[in-house]
Amino acid sequence: MIDLAWSPDGRYLATASNDSTVIIWRVDGATE
């Protein structure tokens, strides 16, 4: 993973990797 960013509402996380893959993660209900 080379970068990540949260959506403004905190419900999604976008990750990018060296092979140009971008994944959007839905994080509703996650706990710390």
PDB file of N, CA and C in Angstrom:
ATOM      1  N   MET A   1       0.848  -1.170   0.000  1.00  0.00           N
ATOM      2  CA  MET A   1       0.000   0.000   0.000  1.00  0.00           C
ATOM      3  C   MET A   1       0.894   1.233   0.000  1.00  0.00           C
ATOM      4  N   ILE A   2       0.571   2.170  -0.876  1.00  0.00           N
ATOM      5  CA  ILE A   2       1.374   3.391  -0.943  1.00  0.00           C
ATOM      6  C   ILE A   2       0.613   4.632  -0.499  1.00  0.00           C
ATOM      7  N   ASP A   3      -0.725   4.533  -0.440  1.00  0.00           N
ATOM      8  CA  ASP A   3      -1.499   5.703  -0.020  1.00  0.00           C
ATOM      9  C   ASP A   3      -2.876   5.250   0.456  1.00  0.00           C
ATOM     10  N   LEU A   4      -3.481   6.077   1.294  1.00  0.00           N
ATOM     11  CA  LEU A   4      -4.855   5.823   1.713  1.00  0.00           C
ATOM     12  C   LEU A   4      -5.534   7.143   1.996  1.00  0.00           C
ATOM     13  N   ALA A   5      -6.857   7.142   1.904  1.00  0.00           N
ATOM     14  CA  ALA A   5      -7.629   8.358   2.159  1.00  0.00           C
ATOM     15  C   ALA A   5      -9.009   7.981   2.666  1.00  0.00           C
ATOM     16  N   TRP A   6      -9.495   8.730   3.646  1.00  0.00           N
ATOM     17  CA  TRP A   6     -10.839   8.549   4.190  1.00  0.00           C
ATOM     18  C   TRP A   6     -11.823   9.433   3.436  1.00  0.00           C
ATOM     19  N   SER A   7     -13.047   8.964   3.281  1.00  0.00           N
ATOM     20  CA  SER A   7     -14.105   9.809   2.734  1.00  0.00           C
ATOM     21  C   SER A   7     -14.464  10.853   3.787  1.00  0.00           C
ATOM     22  N   PRO A   8     -15.033  11.983   3.376  1.00  0.00           N
ATOM     23  CA  PRO A   8     -15.367  13.037   4.337  1.00  0.00           C
ATOM     24  C   PRO A   8     -16.294  12.573   5.465  1.00  0.00           C
ATOM     25  N   ASP A   9     -17.183  11.623   5.181  1.00  0.00           N
ATOM     26  CA  ASP A   9     -18.101  11.151   6.224  1.00  0.00           C
ATOM     27  C   ASP A   9     -17.529   9.996   7.047  1.00  0.00           C
ATOM     28  N   GLY A  10     -16.325   9.534   6.735  1.00  0.00           N
ATOM     29  CA  GLY A  10     -15.669   8.483   7.498  1.00  0.00           C
ATOM     30  C   GLY A  10     -16.202   7.082   7.257  1.00  0.00           C
ATOM     31  N   ARG A  11     -17.055   6.912   6.266  1.00  0.00           N
ATOM     32  CA  ARG A  11     -17.658   5.601   6.000  1.00  0.00           C
ATOM     33  C   ARG A  11     -16.847   4.751   5.035  1.00  0.00           C
ATOM     34  N   TYR A  12     -15.935   5.362   4.289  1.00  0.00           N
ATOM     35  CA  TYR A  12     -15.157   4.634   3.292  1.00  0.00           C
ATOM     36  C   TYR A  12     -13.678   4.969   3.419  1.00  0.00           C
ATOM     37  N   LEU A  13     -12.859   3.973   3.076  1.00  0.00           N
ATOM     38  CA  LEU A  13     -11.414   4.142   3.052  1.00  0.00           C
ATOM     39  C   LEU A  13     -10.940   3.693   1.681  1.00  0.00           C
ATOM     40  N   ALA A  14     -10.168   4.514   1.000  1.00  0.00           N
ATOM     41  CA  ALA A  14      -9.601   4.159  -0.299  1.00  0.00           C
ATOM     42  C   ALA A  14      -8.120   3.870  -0.110  1.00  0.00           C
ATOM     43  N   THR A  15      -7.660   2.744  -0.665  1.00  0.00           N
ATOM     44  CA  THR A  15      -6.246   2.394  -0.600  1.00  0.00           C
ATOM     45  C   THR A  15      -5.710   2.225  -2.014  1.00  0.00           C
ATOM     46  N   ALA A  16      -4.445   2.580  -2.195  1.00  0.00           N
ATOM     47  CA  ALA A  16      -3.777   2.431  -3.488  1.00  0.00           C
ATOM     48  C   ALA A  16      -2.471   1.681  -3.275  1.00  0.00           C
ATOM     49  N   SER A  17      -2.143   0.804  -4.225  1.00  0.00           N
ATOM     50  CA  SER A  17      -0.923   0.012  -4.103  1.00  0.00           C
ATOM     51  C   SER A  17       0.011   0.260  -5.279  1.00  0.00           C
ATOM     52  N   ASN A  18       1.217  -0.267  -5.174  1.00  0.00           N
ATOM     53  CA  ASN A  18       2.244  -0.063  -6.198  1.00  0.00           C
ATOM     54  C   ASN A  18       1.859  -0.638  -7.556  1.00  0.00           C
ATOM     55  N   ASP A  19       0.975  -1.620  -7.584  1.00  0.00           N
ATOM     56  CA  ASP A  19       0.567  -2.217  -8.865  1.00  0.00           C
ATOM     57  C   ASP A  19      -0.638  -1.496  -9.487  1.00  0.00           C
ATOM     58  N   SER A  20      -0.914  -0.284  -9.033  1.00  0.00           N
ATOM     59  CA  SER A  20      -1.991   0.581  -9.541  1.00  0.00           C
ATOM     60  C   SER A  20      -3.391   0.106  -9.151  1.00  0.00           C
ATOM     61  N   THR A  21      -3.484  -0.774  -8.170  1.00  0.00           N
ATOM     62  CA  THR A  21      -4.777  -1.229  -7.678  1.00  0.00           C
ATOM     63  C   THR A  21      -5.327  -0.219  -6.679  1.00  0.00           C
ATOM     64  N   VAL A  22      -6.586   0.146  -6.858  1.00  0.00           N
ATOM     65  CA  VAL A  22      -7.282   1.015  -5.905  1.00  0.00           C
ATOM     66  C   VAL A  22      -8.467   0.229  -5.365  1.00  0.00           C
ATOM     67  N   ILE A  23      -8.608   0.192  -4.043  1.00  0.00           N
ATOM     68  CA  ILE A  23      -9.718  -0.516  -3.405  1.00  0.00           C
ATOM     69  C   ILE A  23     -10.462   0.464  -2.507  1.00  0.00           C
ATOM     70  N   ILE A  24     -11.773   0.454  -2.618  1.00  0.00           N
ATOM     71  CA  ILE A  24     -12.629   1.260  -1.752  1.00  0.00           C
ATOM     72  C   ILE A  24     -13.216   0.315  -0.704  1.00  0.00           C
ATOM     73  N   TRP A  25     -12.910   0.592   0.555  1.00  0.00           N
ATOM     74  CA  TRP A  25     -13.367  -0.239   1.664  1.00  0.00           C
ATOM     75  C   TRP A  25     -14.516   0.457   2.372  1.00  0.00           C
ATOM     76  N   ARG A  26     -15.617  -0.251   2.595  1.00  0.00           N
ATOM     77  CA  ARG A  26     -16.730   0.283   3.383  1.00  0.00           C
ATOM     78  C   ARG A  26     -16.492  -0.135   4.829  1.00  0.00           C
ATOM     79  N   VAL A  27     -16.434   0.827   5.734  1.00  0.00           N
ATOM     80  CA  VAL A  27     -16.045   0.533   7.113  1.00  0.00           C
ATOM     81  C   VAL A  27     -17.166   0.788   8.122  1.00  0.00           C
ATOM     82  N   ASP A  28     -18.400   0.782   7.677  1.00  0.00           N
ATOM     83  CA  ASP A  28     -19.536   0.929   8.599  1.00  0.00           C
ATOM     84  C   ASP A  28     -19.489  -0.152   9.662  1.00  0.00           C
ATOM     85  N   GLY A  29     -19.700   0.233  10.903  1.00  0.00           N
ATOM     86  CA  GLY A  29     -19.762  -0.726  11.990  1.00  0.00           C
ATOM     87  C   GLY A  29     -18.420  -1.164  12.528  1.00  0.00           C
ATOM     88  N   ALA A  30     -17.339  -0.642  11.999  1.00  0.00           N
ATOM     89  CA  ALA A  30     -16.016  -1.008  12.507  1.00  0.00           C
ATOM     90  C   ALA A  30     -15.805  -0.385  13.880  1.00  0.00           C
ATOM     91  N   THR A  31     -15.052  -1.071  14.716  1.00  0.00           N
ATOM     92  CA  THR A  31     -14.728  -0.531  16.032  1.00  0.00           C
ATOM     93  C   THR A  31     -13.231  -0.415  16.185  1.00  0.00           C
ATOM     94  N   GLU A  32     -12.822   0.455  17.061  1.00  0.00           N
ATOM     95  CA  GLU A  32     -11.392   0.637  17.313  1.00  0.00           C
ATOM     96  C   GLU A  32     -10.914  -0.320  18.367  1.00  0.00           C
TER      97      GLU A  32
END
